[in-house]
Amino acid sequence: MSITESSSNYNHLEQMPIKDLLYNINKEDLSVPLAVEKAIPQIEMLIEVVVAKMKLGGRLFYIGAGTSGRLGILDASECPPTFGVPQGMVIGIIAGGDSAIRKAVEFAEDNKEQAWEDLQDFQINPNDVVVGIAASGRTPYVIGGLEKCNEHSITSACIVCNPNSAIATLAKFPIEVIVGPEFVTGSTRMKSGTAQKLVLNMISTVVMIRLGRVKGNKMVDMQLSNLKLVDRGVRMIMDELNISHQEAESALKKWGSVRSVLDNYSK
């Protein structure tokens, strides 16, 4: 039996007071960052490859089923507004299609051929990197996708939560984050999902920093798509240029983005 499916360290959960349930869930969650830390060398190796591929015009794909697929879509969807990169530079694909984002599609993860068909919709090529996300490390949808990537010289990687899994064996750049049994036996949306989310945060954020999408510690290419973000942009400019709110606001209106203001204000 895989670790992610092994019995919880706790029992008789239905008899626990709410306070004890909360403390015990939190106690388990505290172990997740420590497990991620052990995988940092693996994460670093993947990021170096992704940065190099993206500098050649490549893209980053996430493929997965269920919670894993949803987490990949979440990370991909945040890249354009956060870092100002084009839609389609980071792409999340879930088994069962977009309808599976909100509602589970029965047996979608068991189709070993579908991931490659889904990738074909994006004209996948050897400049791209495909990361299979699967807590169990044995999801057929992900296995089939990575097998085809290997056959077509497309860089394959994975994020899994069991050691020595089928998917990690297939992936050229495996990331194994071993978080142990879930609080509710087999509920990998919990610790495993949290671990995957942390790793995805690391991958996309560090890749974008290395591609020059962050200046200092600021998201200078973020999309100013609402009043909160416009205000954040104004405050970034005030902080970087040491100017008043009115001056920063006027400059942002003139040049349209934080980066453009920082590049042009003193000229």
C-alpha atoms as a PDB file:
ATOM      1  CA  MET A   1       0.000   0.000   0.000  1.00  0.00           C
ATOM      2  CA  SER A   2       1.254   3.501  -0.842  1.00  0.00           C
ATOM      3  CA  ILE A   3       1.978   5.962   1.962  1.00  0.00           C
ATOM      4  CA  THR A   4      -0.719   8.349   0.724  1.00  0.00           C
ATOM      5  CA  GLU A   5      -3.293   5.558   1.130  1.00  0.00           C
ATOM      6  CA  SER A   6      -2.010   4.259   4.475  1.00  0.00           C
ATOM      7  CA  SER A   7      -4.114   4.551   7.612  1.00  0.00           C
ATOM      8  CA  SER A   8      -4.267   7.867   9.445  1.00  0.00           C
ATOM      9  CA  ASN A   9      -2.309   8.326  12.649  1.00  0.00           C
ATOM     10  CA  TYR A  10      -5.632   9.232  14.282  1.00  0.00           C
ATOM     11  CA  ASN A  11      -8.796   7.216  14.784  1.00  0.00           C
ATOM     12  CA  HIS A  12     -12.385   7.693  15.950  1.00  0.00           C
ATOM     13  CA  LEU A  13     -12.395  11.138  14.347  1.00  0.00           C
ATOM     14  CA  GLU A  14     -16.172  11.364  14.658  1.00  0.00           C
ATOM     15  CA  GLN A  15     -15.770  11.254  18.447  1.00  0.00           C
ATOM     16  CA  MET A  16     -13.163  14.038  18.665  1.00  0.00           C
ATOM     17  CA  PRO A  17     -14.168  17.494  19.892  1.00  0.00           C
ATOM     18  CA  ILE A  18     -13.918  20.181  17.194  1.00  0.00           C
ATOM     19  CA  LYS A  19     -10.948  21.790  18.968  1.00  0.00           C
ATOM     20  CA  ASP A  20      -9.008  18.518  18.958  1.00  0.00           C
ATOM     21  CA  LEU A  21      -9.798  17.937  15.289  1.00  0.00           C
ATOM     22  CA  LEU A  22      -8.463  21.381  14.416  1.00  0.00           C
ATOM     23  CA  TYR A  23      -5.293  21.060  16.502  1.00  0.00           C
ATOM     24  CA  ASN A  24      -4.551  17.619  15.102  1.00  0.00           C
ATOM     25  CA  ILE A  25      -5.091  18.694  11.496  1.00  0.00           C
ATOM     26  CA  ASN A  26      -2.798  21.647  12.094  1.00  0.00           C
ATOM     27  CA  LYS A  27      -0.216  19.385  13.745  1.00  0.00           C
ATOM     28  CA  GLU A  28      -0.156  17.217  10.622  1.00  0.00           C
ATOM     29  CA  ASP A  29       0.054  20.261   8.336  1.00  0.00           C
ATOM     30  CA  LEU A  30       3.156  21.493  10.177  1.00  0.00           C
ATOM     31  CA  SER A  31       5.073  18.529   8.758  1.00  0.00           C
ATOM     32  CA  VAL A  32       4.423  19.547   5.143  1.00  0.00           C
ATOM     33  CA  PRO A  33       6.988  22.377   4.754  1.00  0.00           C
ATOM     34  CA  LEU A  34       9.655  20.096   6.229  1.00  0.00           C
ATOM     35  CA  ALA A  35       8.874  17.479   3.597  1.00  0.00           C
ATOM     36  CA  VAL A  36       9.019  20.137   0.868  1.00  0.00           C
ATOM     37  CA  GLU A  37      12.391  21.324   2.166  1.00  0.00           C
ATOM     38  CA  LYS A  38      13.859  17.864   1.613  1.00  0.00           C
ATOM     39  CA  ALA A  39      12.790  18.060  -2.037  1.00  0.00           C
ATOM     40  CA  ILE A  40      14.384  21.463  -2.744  1.00  0.00           C
ATOM     41  CA  PRO A  41      17.358  19.986  -4.667  1.00  0.00           C
ATOM     42  CA  GLN A  42      14.893  18.243  -7.004  1.00  0.00           C
ATOM     43  CA  ILE A  43      12.824  21.421  -7.372  1.00  0.00           C
ATOM     44  CA  GLU A  44      15.952  23.436  -8.174  1.00  0.00           C
ATOM     45  CA  MET A  45      16.955  21.070 -10.967  1.00  0.00           C
ATOM     46  CA  LEU A  46      13.535  21.352 -12.589  1.00  0.00           C
ATOM     47  CA  ILE A  47      13.436  25.148 -12.351  1.00  0.00           C
ATOM     48  CA  GLU A  48      16.811  25.455 -14.075  1.00  0.00           C
ATOM     49  CA  VAL A  49      15.470  23.431 -16.998  1.00  0.00           C
ATOM     50  CA  VAL A  50      12.174  25.345 -17.178  1.00  0.00           C
ATOM     51  CA  VAL A  51      13.980  28.705 -17.247  1.00  0.00           C
ATOM     52  CA  ALA A  52      16.306  27.531 -20.006  1.00  0.00           C
ATOM     53  CA  LYS A  53      13.413  26.159 -22.069  1.00  0.00           C
ATOM     54  CA  MET A  54      11.315  29.294 -21.631  1.00  0.00           C
ATOM     55  CA  LYS A  55      14.191  31.454 -22.817  1.00  0.00           C
ATOM     56  CA  LEU A  56      13.962  29.440 -26.034  1.00  0.00           C
ATOM     57  CA  GLY A  57      10.250  30.178 -26.306  1.00  0.00           C
ATOM     58  CA  GLY A  58       9.057  27.065 -24.501  1.00  0.00           C
ATOM     59  CA  ARG A  59       6.075  26.716 -22.216  1.00  0.00           C
ATOM     60  CA  LEU A  60       5.353  25.057 -18.879  1.00  0.00           C
ATOM     61  CA  PHE A  61       2.503  22.531 -18.753  1.00  0.00           C
ATOM     62  CA  TYR A  62       0.900  20.973 -15.699  1.00  0.00           C
ATOM     63  CA  ILE A  63      -1.178  17.814 -16.155  1.00  0.00           C
ATOM     64  CA  GLY A  64      -3.146  16.031 -13.455  1.00  0.00           C
ATOM     65  CA  ALA A  65      -6.458  14.620 -12.313  1.00  0.00           C
ATOM     66  CA  GLY A  66      -8.781  15.695  -9.506  1.00  0.00           C
ATOM     67  CA  THR A  67      -7.187  17.868  -6.827  1.00  0.00           C
ATOM     68  CA  SER A  68      -3.781  17.642  -8.506  1.00  0.00           C
ATOM     69  CA  GLY A  69      -5.182  18.854 -11.816  1.00  0.00           C
ATOM     70  CA  ARG A  70      -7.037  21.710 -10.141  1.00  0.00           C
ATOM     71  CA  LEU A  71      -3.890  22.850  -8.345  1.00  0.00           C
ATOM     72  CA  GLY A  72      -1.991  22.948 -11.634  1.00  0.00           C
ATOM     73  CA  ILE A  73      -4.732  25.035 -13.250  1.00  0.00           C
ATOM     74  CA  LEU A  74      -4.751  27.394 -10.274  1.00  0.00           C
ATOM     75  CA  ASP A  75      -1.008  27.994 -10.470  1.00  0.00           C
ATOM     76  CA  ALA A  76      -1.073  28.458 -14.237  1.00  0.00           C
ATOM     77  CA  SER A  77      -4.013  30.870 -14.118  1.00  0.00           C
ATOM     78  CA  GLU A  78      -2.253  33.117 -11.602  1.00  0.00           C
ATOM     79  CA  CYS A  79       0.861  33.669 -13.729  1.00  0.00           C
ATOM     80  CA  PRO A  80      -0.531  36.224 -16.247  1.00  0.00           C
ATOM     81  CA  PRO A  81      -2.087  38.589 -13.661  1.00  0.00           C
ATOM     82  CA  THR A  82       0.793  38.253 -11.209  1.00  0.00           C
ATOM     83  CA  PHE A  83       3.740  38.448 -13.590  1.00  0.00           C
ATOM     84  CA  GLY A  84       2.271  39.955 -16.767  1.00  0.00           C
ATOM     85  CA  VAL A  85       3.219  36.983 -18.929  1.00  0.00           C
ATOM     86  CA  PRO A  86       1.043  36.012 -21.910  1.00  0.00           C
ATOM     87  CA  GLN A  87      -1.824  33.579 -21.533  1.00  0.00           C
ATOM     88  CA  GLY A  88      -0.518  30.218 -22.683  1.00  0.00           C
ATOM     89  CA  MET A  89       2.993  30.535 -21.271  1.00  0.00           C
ATOM     90  CA  VAL A  90       2.001  28.383 -18.281  1.00  0.00           C
ATOM     91  CA  ILE A  91      -0.855  25.960 -18.963  1.00  0.00           C
ATOM     92  CA  GLY A  92      -2.798  23.686 -16.643  1.00  0.00           C
ATOM     93  CA  ILE A  93      -4.667  20.664 -18.023  1.00  0.00           C
ATOM     94  CA  ILE A  94      -7.021  18.483 -15.984  1.00  0.00           C
ATOM     95  CA  ALA A  95      -8.260  14.987 -16.800  1.00  0.00           C
ATOM     96  CA  GLY A  96     -11.859  15.253 -17.934  1.00  0.00           C
ATOM     97  CA  GLY A  97     -11.505  18.766 -19.350  1.00  0.00           C
ATOM     98  CA  ASP A  98     -12.520  22.114 -17.901  1.00  0.00           C
ATOM     99  CA  SER A  99     -15.805  20.757 -16.531  1.00  0.00           C
ATOM    100  CA  ALA A 100     -13.710  18.649 -14.135  1.00  0.00           C
ATOM    101  CA  ILE A 101     -12.447  21.806 -12.448  1.00  0.00           C
ATOM    102  CA  ARG A 102     -15.751  22.122 -10.588  1.00  0.00           C
ATOM    103  CA  LYS A 103     -17.218  18.636 -10.787  1.00  0.00           C
ATOM    104  CA  ALA A 104     -15.466  15.279 -10.733  1.00  0.00           C
ATOM    105  CA  VAL A 105     -15.561  13.412 -14.043  1.00  0.00           C
ATOM    106  CA  GLU A 106     -15.822   9.691 -13.362  1.00  0.00           C
ATOM    107  CA  PHE A 107     -12.897   7.540 -14.508  1.00  0.00           C
ATOM    108  CA  ALA A 108     -11.259  10.453 -16.382  1.00  0.00           C
ATOM    109  CA  GLU A 109      -7.965   9.796 -14.594  1.00  0.00           C
ATOM    110  CA  ASP A 110      -7.963   6.191 -15.795  1.00  0.00           C
ATOM    111  CA  ASN A 111      -7.627   7.088 -19.490  1.00  0.00           C
ATOM    112  CA  LYS A 112      -3.958   6.593 -20.282  1.00  0.00           C
ATOM    113  CA  GLU A 113      -4.167   8.074 -23.809  1.00  0.00           C
ATOM    114  CA  GLN A 114      -6.106  11.254 -23.061  1.00  0.00           C
ATOM    115  CA  ALA A 115      -3.305  13.409 -21.626  1.00  0.00           C
ATOM    116  CA  TRP A 116      -1.283  13.199 -24.831  1.00  0.00           C
ATOM    117  CA  GLU A 117      -4.380  14.043 -26.872  1.00  0.00           C
ATOM    118  CA  ASP A 118      -4.982  17.046 -24.602  1.00  0.00           C
ATOM    119  CA  LEU A 119      -1.381  18.190 -25.039  1.00  0.00           C
ATOM    120  CA  GLN A 120      -1.720  17.904 -28.811  1.00  0.00           C
ATOM    121  CA  ASP A 121      -4.343  20.658 -28.700  1.00  0.00           C
ATOM    122  CA  PHE A 122      -1.494  22.998 -27.763  1.00  0.00           C
ATOM    123  CA  GLN A 123       0.992  21.783 -30.392  1.00  0.00           C
ATOM    124  CA  ILE A 124       3.339  20.532 -27.693  1.00  0.00           C
ATOM    125  CA  ASN A 125       6.998  20.524 -28.806  1.00  0.00           C
ATOM    126  CA  PRO A 126      10.505  19.787 -27.448  1.00  0.00           C
ATOM    127  CA  ASN A 127      10.935  23.352 -26.154  1.00  0.00           C
ATOM    128  CA  ASP A 128       8.153  22.710 -23.637  1.00  0.00           C
ATOM    129  CA  VAL A 129       8.235  21.137 -20.169  1.00  0.00           C
ATOM    130  CA  VAL A 130       5.413  18.929 -18.874  1.00  0.00           C
ATOM    131  CA  VAL A 131       4.963  18.422 -15.123  1.00  0.00           C
ATOM    132  CA  GLY A 132       2.691  15.576 -14.088  1.00  0.00           C
ATOM    133  CA  ILE A 133       1.037  16.171 -10.714  1.00  0.00           C
ATOM    134  CA  ALA A 134      -0.249  13.102  -8.858  1.00  0.00           C
ATOM    135  CA  ALA A 135      -0.156  12.515  -5.126  1.00  0.00           C
ATOM    136  CA  SER A 136      -0.287   8.732  -5.559  1.00  0.00           C
ATOM    137  CA  GLY A 137       2.341   8.686  -8.295  1.00  0.00           C
ATOM    138  CA  ARG A 138       0.352   6.149 -10.287  1.00  0.00           C
ATOM    139  CA  THR A 139      -2.455   8.056 -12.056  1.00  0.00           C
ATOM    140  CA  PRO A 140      -2.832   6.512 -15.559  1.00  0.00           C
ATOM    141  CA  TYR A 141      -3.703   9.876 -17.163  1.00  0.00           C
ATOM    142  CA  VAL A 142      -0.368  11.307 -16.000  1.00  0.00           C
ATOM    143  CA  ILE A 143       1.617   8.144 -16.717  1.00  0.00           C
ATOM    144  CA  GLY A 144       0.407   8.072 -20.318  1.00  0.00           C
ATOM    145  CA  GLY A 145       1.163  11.749 -20.827  1.00  0.00           C
ATOM    146  CA  LEU A 146       4.709  11.505 -19.509  1.00  0.00           C
ATOM    147  CA  GLU A 147       5.413   8.345 -21.483  1.00  0.00           C
ATOM    148  CA  LYS A 148       4.500  10.136 -24.701  1.00  0.00           C
ATOM    149  CA  CYS A 149       6.555  13.171 -23.718  1.00  0.00           C
ATOM    150  CA  ASN A 150       9.590  10.948 -23.261  1.00  0.00           C
ATOM    151  CA  GLU A 151       8.981   9.333 -26.637  1.00  0.00           C
ATOM    152  CA  HIS A 152       8.859  12.761 -28.321  1.00  0.00           C
ATOM    153  CA  SER A 153      11.894  14.283 -26.526  1.00  0.00           C
ATOM    154  CA  ILE A 154       9.752  16.633 -24.438  1.00  0.00           C
ATOM    155  CA  THR A 155      11.099  17.303 -20.951  1.00  0.00           C
ATOM    156  CA  SER A 156       9.033  15.428 -18.358  1.00  0.00           C
ATOM    157  CA  ALA A 157       8.785  16.131 -14.637  1.00  0.00           C
ATOM    158  CA  CYS A 158       6.446  15.321 -11.783  1.00  0.00           C
ATOM    159  CA  ILE A 159       5.276  16.207  -8.293  1.00  0.00           C
ATOM    160  CA  VAL A 160       4.308  13.112  -6.300  1.00  0.00           C
ATOM    161  CA  CYS A 161       3.877  12.213  -2.631  1.00  0.00           C
ATOM    162  CA  ASN A 162       4.910   8.549  -2.625  1.00  0.00           C
ATOM    163  CA  PRO A 163       8.513   7.330  -2.933  1.00  0.00           C
ATOM    164  CA  ASN A 164       9.659   5.273  -5.925  1.00  0.00           C
ATOM    165  CA  SER A 165       6.365   5.663  -7.766  1.00  0.00           C
ATOM    166  CA  ALA A 166       5.671   4.735 -11.388  1.00  0.00           C
ATOM    167  CA  ILE A 167       5.385   8.398 -12.333  1.00  0.00           C
ATOM    168  CA  ALA A 168       8.615   9.410 -10.592  1.00  0.00           C
ATOM    169  CA  THR A 169      10.392   6.578 -12.398  1.00  0.00           C
ATOM    170  CA  LEU A 170       9.121   7.884 -15.742  1.00  0.00           C
ATOM    171  CA  ALA A 171       9.823  11.576 -15.164  1.00  0.00           C
ATOM    172  CA  LYS A 172      13.220  12.953 -16.128  1.00  0.00           C
ATOM    173  CA  PHE A 173      12.919  15.466 -13.283  1.00  0.00           C
ATOM    174  CA  PRO A 174      10.957  13.880 -10.422  1.00  0.00           C
ATOM    175  CA  ILE A 175       9.962  15.826  -7.322  1.00  0.00           C
ATOM    176  CA  GLU A 176       8.976  13.545  -4.449  1.00  0.00           C
ATOM    177  CA  VAL A 177       7.442  15.205  -1.373  1.00  0.00           C
ATOM    178  CA  ILE A 178       6.707  12.495   1.182  1.00  0.00           C
ATOM    179  CA  VAL A 179       4.229  13.917   3.688  1.00  0.00           C
ATOM    180  CA  GLY A 180       3.046  10.645   5.248  1.00  0.00           C
ATOM    181  CA  PRO A 181      -0.486   9.436   5.977  1.00  0.00           C
ATOM    182  CA  GLU A 182      -3.352  11.897   5.658  1.00  0.00           C
ATOM    183  CA  PHE A 183      -5.427  12.991   8.672  1.00  0.00           C
ATOM    184  CA  VAL A 184      -8.450  11.419   7.009  1.00  0.00           C
ATOM    185  CA  THR A 185      -7.121   8.213   5.469  1.00  0.00           C
ATOM    186  CA  GLY A 186      -6.477   8.643   1.741  1.00  0.00           C
ATOM    187  CA  SER A 187      -7.744  12.243   1.553  1.00  0.00           C
ATOM    188  CA  THR A 188      -4.841  13.573  -0.495  1.00  0.00           C
ATOM    189  CA  ARG A 189      -6.477  16.974  -0.928  1.00  0.00           C
ATOM    190  CA  MET A 190      -5.091  17.625   2.572  1.00  0.00           C
ATOM    191  CA  LYS A 191      -1.345  17.277   3.265  1.00  0.00           C
ATOM    192  CA  SER A 192      -0.462  16.045  -0.214  1.00  0.00           C
ATOM    193  CA  GLY A 193      -2.447  18.849  -1.833  1.00  0.00           C
ATOM    194  CA  THR A 194      -0.810  21.411   0.432  1.00  0.00           C
ATOM    195  CA  ALA A 195       2.627  20.061  -0.468  1.00  0.00           C
ATOM    196  CA  GLN A 196       1.850  20.210  -4.182  1.00  0.00           C
ATOM    197  CA  LYS A 197       0.598  23.790  -3.840  1.00  0.00           C
ATOM    198  CA  LEU A 198       3.794  24.833  -2.041  1.00  0.00           C
ATOM    199  CA  VAL A 199       5.964  23.256  -4.722  1.00  0.00           C
ATOM    200  CA  LEU A 200       3.949  24.859  -7.520  1.00  0.00           C
ATOM    201  CA  ASN A 201       4.316  28.235  -5.799  1.00  0.00           C
ATOM    202  CA  MET A 202       8.069  27.714  -5.745  1.00  0.00           C
ATOM    203  CA  ILE A 203       8.308  26.643  -9.367  1.00  0.00           C
ATOM    204  CA  SER A 204       6.265  29.432 -10.954  1.00  0.00           C
ATOM    205  CA  THR A 205       7.553  32.184  -8.676  1.00  0.00           C
ATOM    206  CA  VAL A 206      11.243  31.343  -9.017  1.00  0.00           C
ATOM    207  CA  VAL A 207      10.917  30.796 -12.776  1.00  0.00           C
ATOM    208  CA  MET A 208       9.333  34.223 -13.179  1.00  0.00           C
ATOM    209  CA  ILE A 209      11.967  35.874 -10.994  1.00  0.00           C
ATOM    210  CA  ARG A 210      14.706  34.302 -13.104  1.00  0.00           C
ATOM    211  CA  LEU A 211      12.959  35.516 -16.263  1.00  0.00           C
ATOM    212  CA  GLY A 212      13.081  39.081 -14.955  1.00  0.00           C
ATOM    213  CA  ARG A 213       9.418  39.425 -14.016  1.00  0.00           C
ATOM    214  CA  VAL A 214      10.206  40.754 -10.532  1.00  0.00           C
ATOM    215  CA  LYS A 215      12.231  43.873  -9.734  1.00  0.00           C
ATOM    216  CA  GLY A 216      13.649  44.076  -6.229  1.00  0.00           C
ATOM    217  CA  ASN A 217      10.806  42.308  -4.486  1.00  0.00           C
ATOM    218  CA  LYS A 218       7.980  43.867  -6.525  1.00  0.00           C
ATOM    219  CA  MET A 219       5.566  42.416  -9.099  1.00  0.00           C
ATOM    220  CA  VAL A 220       6.336  45.195 -11.563  1.00  0.00           C
ATOM    221  CA  ASP A 221       4.629  43.436 -14.482  1.00  0.00           C
ATOM    222  CA  MET A 222       1.371  42.610 -12.711  1.00  0.00           C
ATOM    223  CA  GLN A 223      -1.854  43.371 -14.551  1.00  0.00           C
ATOM    224  CA  LEU A 224      -3.654  46.401 -13.122  1.00  0.00           C
ATOM    225  CA  SER A 225      -7.050  44.753 -13.452  1.00  0.00           C
ATOM    226  CA  ASN A 226      -8.836  46.242 -10.438  1.00  0.00           C
ATOM    227  CA  LEU A 227      -8.661  49.211  -8.074  1.00  0.00           C
ATOM    228  CA  LYS A 228      -6.795  47.232  -5.406  1.00  0.00           C
ATOM    229  CA  LEU A 229      -4.029  46.380  -7.855  1.00  0.00           C
ATOM    230  CA  VAL A 230      -3.881  49.931  -9.203  1.00  0.00           C
ATOM    231  CA  ASP A 231      -3.402  51.151  -5.635  1.00  0.00           C
ATOM    232  CA  ARG A 232      -0.719  48.519  -5.084  1.00  0.00           C
ATOM    233  CA  GLY A 233       1.032  49.704  -8.236  1.00  0.00           C
ATOM    234  CA  VAL A 234       0.932  53.315  -7.044  1.00  0.00           C
ATOM    235  CA  ARG A 235       2.449  52.323  -3.714  1.00  0.00           C
ATOM    236  CA  MET A 236       5.184  50.321  -5.457  1.00  0.00           C
ATOM    237  CA  ILE A 237       6.111  53.393  -7.465  1.00  0.00           C
ATOM    238  CA  MET A 238       6.064  55.630  -4.398  1.00  0.00           C
ATOM    239  CA  ASP A 239       8.366  53.228  -2.586  1.00  0.00           C
ATOM    240  CA  GLU A 240      10.805  52.728  -5.471  1.00  0.00           C
ATOM    241  CA  LEU A 241      11.033  56.373  -6.578  1.00  0.00           C
ATOM    242  CA  ASN A 242      10.404  58.101  -3.248  1.00  0.00           C
ATOM    243  CA  ILE A 243       7.696  60.340  -4.721  1.00  0.00           C
ATOM    244  CA  SER A 244       4.251  61.425  -3.533  1.00  0.00           C
ATOM    245  CA  HIS A 245       1.039  59.483  -4.068  1.00  0.00           C
ATOM    246  CA  GLN A 246      -0.176  62.063  -6.569  1.00  0.00           C
ATOM    247  CA  GLU A 247       3.038  61.923  -8.589  1.00  0.00           C
ATOM    248  CA  ALA A 248       3.029  58.135  -8.585  1.00  0.00           C
ATOM    249  CA  GLU A 249      -0.611  57.965  -9.645  1.00  0.00           C
ATOM    250  CA  SER A 250      -0.028  60.428 -12.485  1.00  0.00           C
ATOM    251  CA  ALA A 251       3.024  58.520 -13.670  1.00  0.00           C
ATOM    252  CA  LEU A 252       1.120  55.242 -13.646  1.00  0.00           C
ATOM    253  CA  LYS A 253      -1.685  56.757 -15.714  1.00  0.00           C
ATOM    254  CA  LYS A 254       0.868  58.125 -18.158  1.00  0.00           C
ATOM    255  CA  TRP A 255       2.947  54.983 -18.715  1.00  0.00           C
ATOM    256  CA  GLY A 256       0.378  52.286 -17.934  1.00  0.00           C
ATOM    257  CA  SER A 257       2.454  49.837 -15.897  1.00  0.00           C
ATOM    258  CA  VAL A 258       4.735  49.838 -12.891  1.00  0.00           C
ATOM    259  CA  ARG A 259       7.689  48.631 -14.959  1.00  0.00           C
ATOM    260  CA  SER A 260       7.227  51.380 -17.549  1.00  0.00           C
ATOM    261  CA  VAL A 261       7.127  54.011 -14.830  1.00  0.00           C
ATOM    262  CA  LEU A 262      10.296  52.696 -13.196  1.00  0.00           C
ATOM    263  CA  ASP A 263      12.037  52.528 -16.581  1.00  0.00           C
ATOM    264  CA  ASN A 264      10.982  55.977 -17.764  1.00  0.00           C
ATOM    265  CA  TYR A 265      10.281  58.266 -14.823  1.00  0.00           C
ATOM    266  CA  SER A 266      13.801  59.595 -14.353  1.00  0.00           C
ATOM    267  CA  LYS A 267      14.474  59.925 -18.086  1.00  0.00           C
END
